[in-house]
Protein backbone atom coordinates (compact mmCIF):
# COMPACT_ATOMS: atom_id res chain seq x y z
CA UNK A 1 8.69 -35.15 -29.70
CA UNK A 2 4.52 -34.80 -28.89
CA UNK A 3 4.92 -36.13 -25.82
CA UNK A 4 7.50 -33.93 -24.68
CA UNK A 5 6.05 -30.50 -26.02
CA UNK A 6 2.92 -31.94 -24.40
CA UNK A 7 4.78 -32.53 -21.17
CA UNK A 8 5.92 -28.89 -21.36
CA UNK A 9 2.49 -27.60 -22.21
CA UNK A 10 1.13 -29.47 -18.92
CA UNK A 11 3.66 -28.33 -16.72
CA UNK A 12 2.70 -25.59 -14.26
CA UNK A 13 4.41 -21.79 -15.12
CA UNK A 14 7.69 -21.01 -12.92
CA UNK A 15 6.93 -18.35 -10.32
CA UNK A 16 7.15 -14.97 -12.08
CA UNK A 17 9.58 -12.38 -9.69
CA UNK A 18 7.80 -9.94 -8.18
CA UNK A 19 7.66 -6.85 -9.84
CA UNK A 20 8.84 -4.69 -7.61
CA UNK A 21 9.75 -1.36 -9.99
CA UNK A 22 6.14 -1.27 -11.51
CA UNK A 23 4.28 -1.51 -8.10
CA UNK A 24 6.26 0.42 -6.15
CA UNK A 25 6.48 3.39 -9.39
CA UNK A 26 2.67 3.00 -9.17
CA UNK A 27 2.38 3.98 -5.60
CA UNK A 28 4.98 6.57 -6.18
CA UNK A 29 2.66 7.99 -8.99
CA UNK A 30 -0.27 8.13 -7.00
CA UNK A 31 0.82 9.00 -3.47
CA UNK A 32 3.73 11.45 -4.06
CA UNK A 33 1.50 14.07 -3.21
CA UNK A 34 -0.33 12.91 0.85
CA UNK A 35 -0.03 17.16 1.83
CA UNK A 36 -2.47 18.54 -1.35
CA UNK A 37 -4.99 15.64 -1.11
CA UNK A 38 -7.86 16.85 -2.80
CA UNK A 39 -5.48 17.26 -6.28
CA UNK A 40 -4.28 14.09 -5.37
CA UNK A 41 -8.07 12.04 -5.21
CA UNK A 42 -9.03 14.22 -8.16
CA UNK A 43 -5.67 12.91 -10.47
CA UNK A 44 -6.01 9.13 -9.13
CA UNK A 45 -8.68 8.60 -12.01
CA UNK A 46 -6.33 10.07 -14.05
CA UNK A 47 -3.58 7.09 -13.74
CA UNK A 48 -6.34 4.20 -13.76
CA UNK A 49 -7.23 4.20 -10.55
CA UNK A 50 -11.22 2.73 -10.43
CA UNK A 51 -13.21 3.43 -7.22
CA UNK A 52 -13.55 0.55 -5.33
CA UNK A 53 -17.18 0.25 -4.56
CA UNK A 54 -18.41 -0.34 -1.06
CA UNK A 55 -17.33 -3.63 0.22
CA UNK A 56 -15.83 -3.96 -3.12
CA UNK A 57 -12.77 -6.08 -1.50
CA UNK A 58 -13.52 -7.51 2.32
CA UNK A 59 -10.17 -7.17 3.46
CA UNK A 60 -9.99 -3.10 2.68
CA UNK A 61 -13.13 -2.94 3.93
CA UNK A 62 -12.66 -4.68 7.00
CA UNK A 63 -9.75 -1.82 7.40
CA UNK A 64 -11.70 1.11 6.83
CA UNK A 65 -14.16 -0.14 9.09
CA UNK A 66 -11.21 -0.34 12.62
CA UNK A 67 -9.55 2.84 10.91
CA UNK A 68 -13.48 5.12 11.19
CA UNK A 69 -13.92 3.29 14.40
CA UNK A 70 -10.92 4.73 15.95
CA UNK A 71 -12.01 8.16 15.08
CA UNK A 72 -11.91 10.62 18.56
CA UNK A 73 -14.76 13.25 18.94
CA UNK A 74 -14.51 15.59 16.91
CA UNK A 75 -12.83 14.03 13.58
CA UNK A 76 -13.70 14.35 10.49
CA UNK A 77 -12.82 11.75 7.80
CA UNK A 78 -12.29 12.02 4.23
CA UNK A 79 -11.11 9.59 1.72
CA UNK A 80 -11.99 6.66 -0.68
CA UNK A 81 -10.68 3.00 -2.11
CA UNK A 82 -9.60 2.52 -5.16
CA UNK A 83 -8.04 -0.92 -7.45
CA UNK A 84 -5.99 -1.39 -9.83
CA UNK A 85 -4.09 -4.00 -11.91
CA UNK A 86 0.00 -3.51 -12.43
CA UNK A 87 2.05 -5.61 -14.08
CA UNK A 88 -0.34 -8.81 -13.40
CA UNK A 89 -0.99 -8.07 -9.97
CA UNK A 90 -4.31 -6.26 -8.21
CA UNK A 91 -3.62 -3.53 -6.20
CA UNK A 92 -5.64 -1.32 -3.88
CA UNK A 93 -5.40 2.05 -2.57
CA UNK A 94 -7.57 3.46 0.46
CA UNK A 95 -6.59 7.63 0.74
CA UNK A 96 -7.78 9.17 4.16
CA UNK A 97 -7.26 12.65 5.17
CA UNK A 98 -8.34 12.95 9.19
CA UNK A 99 -8.70 16.60 10.61
CA UNK A 100 -9.56 17.78 13.63
CA UNK A 101 -11.35 20.16 15.48
CA UNK A 102 -8.49 23.29 15.43
CA UNK A 103 -8.29 21.77 11.77
CA UNK A 104 -5.08 20.03 12.13
CA UNK A 105 -4.81 16.89 9.84
CA UNK A 106 -2.97 13.68 8.70
CA UNK A 107 -2.83 12.58 5.11
CA UNK A 108 -2.40 9.05 3.98
CA UNK A 109 -2.20 7.13 1.04
CA UNK A 110 -1.99 3.00 1.58
CA UNK A 111 -1.40 0.57 -1.48
CA UNK A 112 -2.18 -2.87 -0.31
CA UNK A 113 -1.05 -6.26 -2.13
CA UNK A 114 -2.29 -8.61 -0.24
CA UNK A 115 -1.52 -11.96 -2.23
CA UNK A 116 2.25 -10.70 -2.26
CA UNK A 117 4.03 -13.69 -0.54
CA UNK A 118 7.08 -11.92 0.33
CA UNK A 119 8.69 -8.44 1.18
CA UNK A 120 10.16 -6.47 -1.53
CA UNK A 121 13.87 -7.12 -1.47
CA UNK A 122 15.99 -4.53 0.82
CA UNK A 123 18.26 -3.77 -2.58
CA UNK A 124 15.03 -2.86 -4.66
CA UNK A 125 13.50 -0.31 -2.51
CA UNK A 126 17.38 1.26 -1.14
CA UNK A 127 17.68 2.06 -5.03
CA UNK A 128 14.37 2.99 -5.45
CA UNK A 129 14.04 5.63 -2.60
CA UNK A 130 17.97 6.32 -3.42
CA UNK A 131 19.09 5.38 0.05
CA UNK A 132 18.82 3.02 3.02
CA UNK A 133 15.53 3.24 5.38
CA UNK A 134 15.87 5.79 8.21
CA UNK A 135 14.03 2.90 10.34
CA UNK A 136 13.88 -0.71 9.78
CA UNK A 137 12.09 -3.25 11.99
CA UNK A 138 11.12 -6.65 11.75
CA UNK A 139 8.11 -8.44 12.90
CA UNK A 140 7.04 -11.67 14.14
CA UNK A 141 5.81 -14.42 10.59
CA UNK A 142 8.41 -12.88 8.30
CA UNK A 143 7.22 -9.56 8.17
CA UNK A 144 9.28 -6.05 7.90
CA UNK A 145 8.23 -2.39 8.34
CA UNK A 146 11.02 0.05 6.72
CA UNK A 147 10.20 3.59 6.98
CA UNK A 148 11.92 6.88 5.28
CA UNK A 149 12.04 9.99 6.92
CA UNK A 150 11.82 12.51 5.16
CA UNK A 151 10.35 10.55 2.11
CA UNK A 152 10.53 11.63 -1.04
CA UNK A 153 10.59 15.00 -0.01
CA UNK A 154 10.12 16.76 3.27
CA UNK A 155 6.91 16.43 5.00
CA UNK A 156 5.95 13.05 3.36
CA UNK A 157 7.00 9.83 4.93
CA UNK A 158 7.50 6.98 3.09
CA UNK A 159 6.92 2.91 4.68
CA UNK A 160 7.40 -0.38 2.82
CA UNK A 161 6.30 -3.16 4.94
CA UNK A 162 4.85 -6.43 4.79
CA UNK A 163 3.06 -8.89 6.98
CA UNK A 164 3.66 -12.10 6.54
CA UNK A 165 0.40 -14.29 5.91
CA UNK A 166 -1.76 -16.69 8.76
CA UNK A 167 -1.12 -15.72 12.47
CA UNK A 168 -3.19 -13.29 15.01
CA UNK A 169 -2.11 -10.06 13.63
CA UNK A 170 -3.70 -10.83 10.21
CA UNK A 171 -6.85 -12.37 11.85
CA UNK A 172 -7.50 -9.06 13.79
CA UNK A 173 -6.92 -6.13 11.09
CA UNK A 174 -7.08 -8.77 7.84
CA UNK A 175 -3.57 -7.87 6.52
CA UNK A 176 -1.18 -9.88 5.25
CA UNK A 177 1.22 -8.50 2.21
CA UNK A 178 2.79 -5.66 0.89
CA UNK A 179 1.76 -2.42 2.78
CA UNK A 180 3.62 0.86 1.52
CA UNK A 181 2.25 4.02 2.86
CA UNK A 182 2.59 7.87 1.72
CA UNK A 183 1.52 9.74 5.19
CA UNK A 184 1.77 13.74 6.06
CA UNK A 185 0.50 16.20 8.47
CA UNK A 186 -0.33 19.74 8.47
CA UNK A 187 -2.83 22.66 9.95
CA UNK A 188 -0.71 23.67 12.17
């Protein structure tokens, strides 16, 4: 009996199911109001998001660097990077607002779970969003894009994507795992 108990203790724990609802709810709580960017940014620390030190996560630093490199002349970028543990998952959040010379802006709030090994199930997403996506696209290497337009409300689009691990795309962008995006445009 003691031998059986020791064997059970030594056995690896069964893989836990992905905490989709908890992660999706954390995303919505953080990113629900991309149209009011300054308010969104002020509320993140109150919702448990900790500012990520510069270079604190190399994959985030790589993504932010690529975003800054894509700016056109006269565009201004505002935003920050954060981290938070949710249901045992280390999540990263990047906020951004790009404004051009005329005042037109595009805001985004992106959540990354780099360690996720599979996309969130369609059934979980459809239940959470209360409908099927308006666009779905399968990508190489097990990736998938799912987009809702409108997302939670008019003027905000929502994507819940998955980038498979390994391959050329991952090497180029440093991106793998679950990616959630809320975005909006305005200023016209």
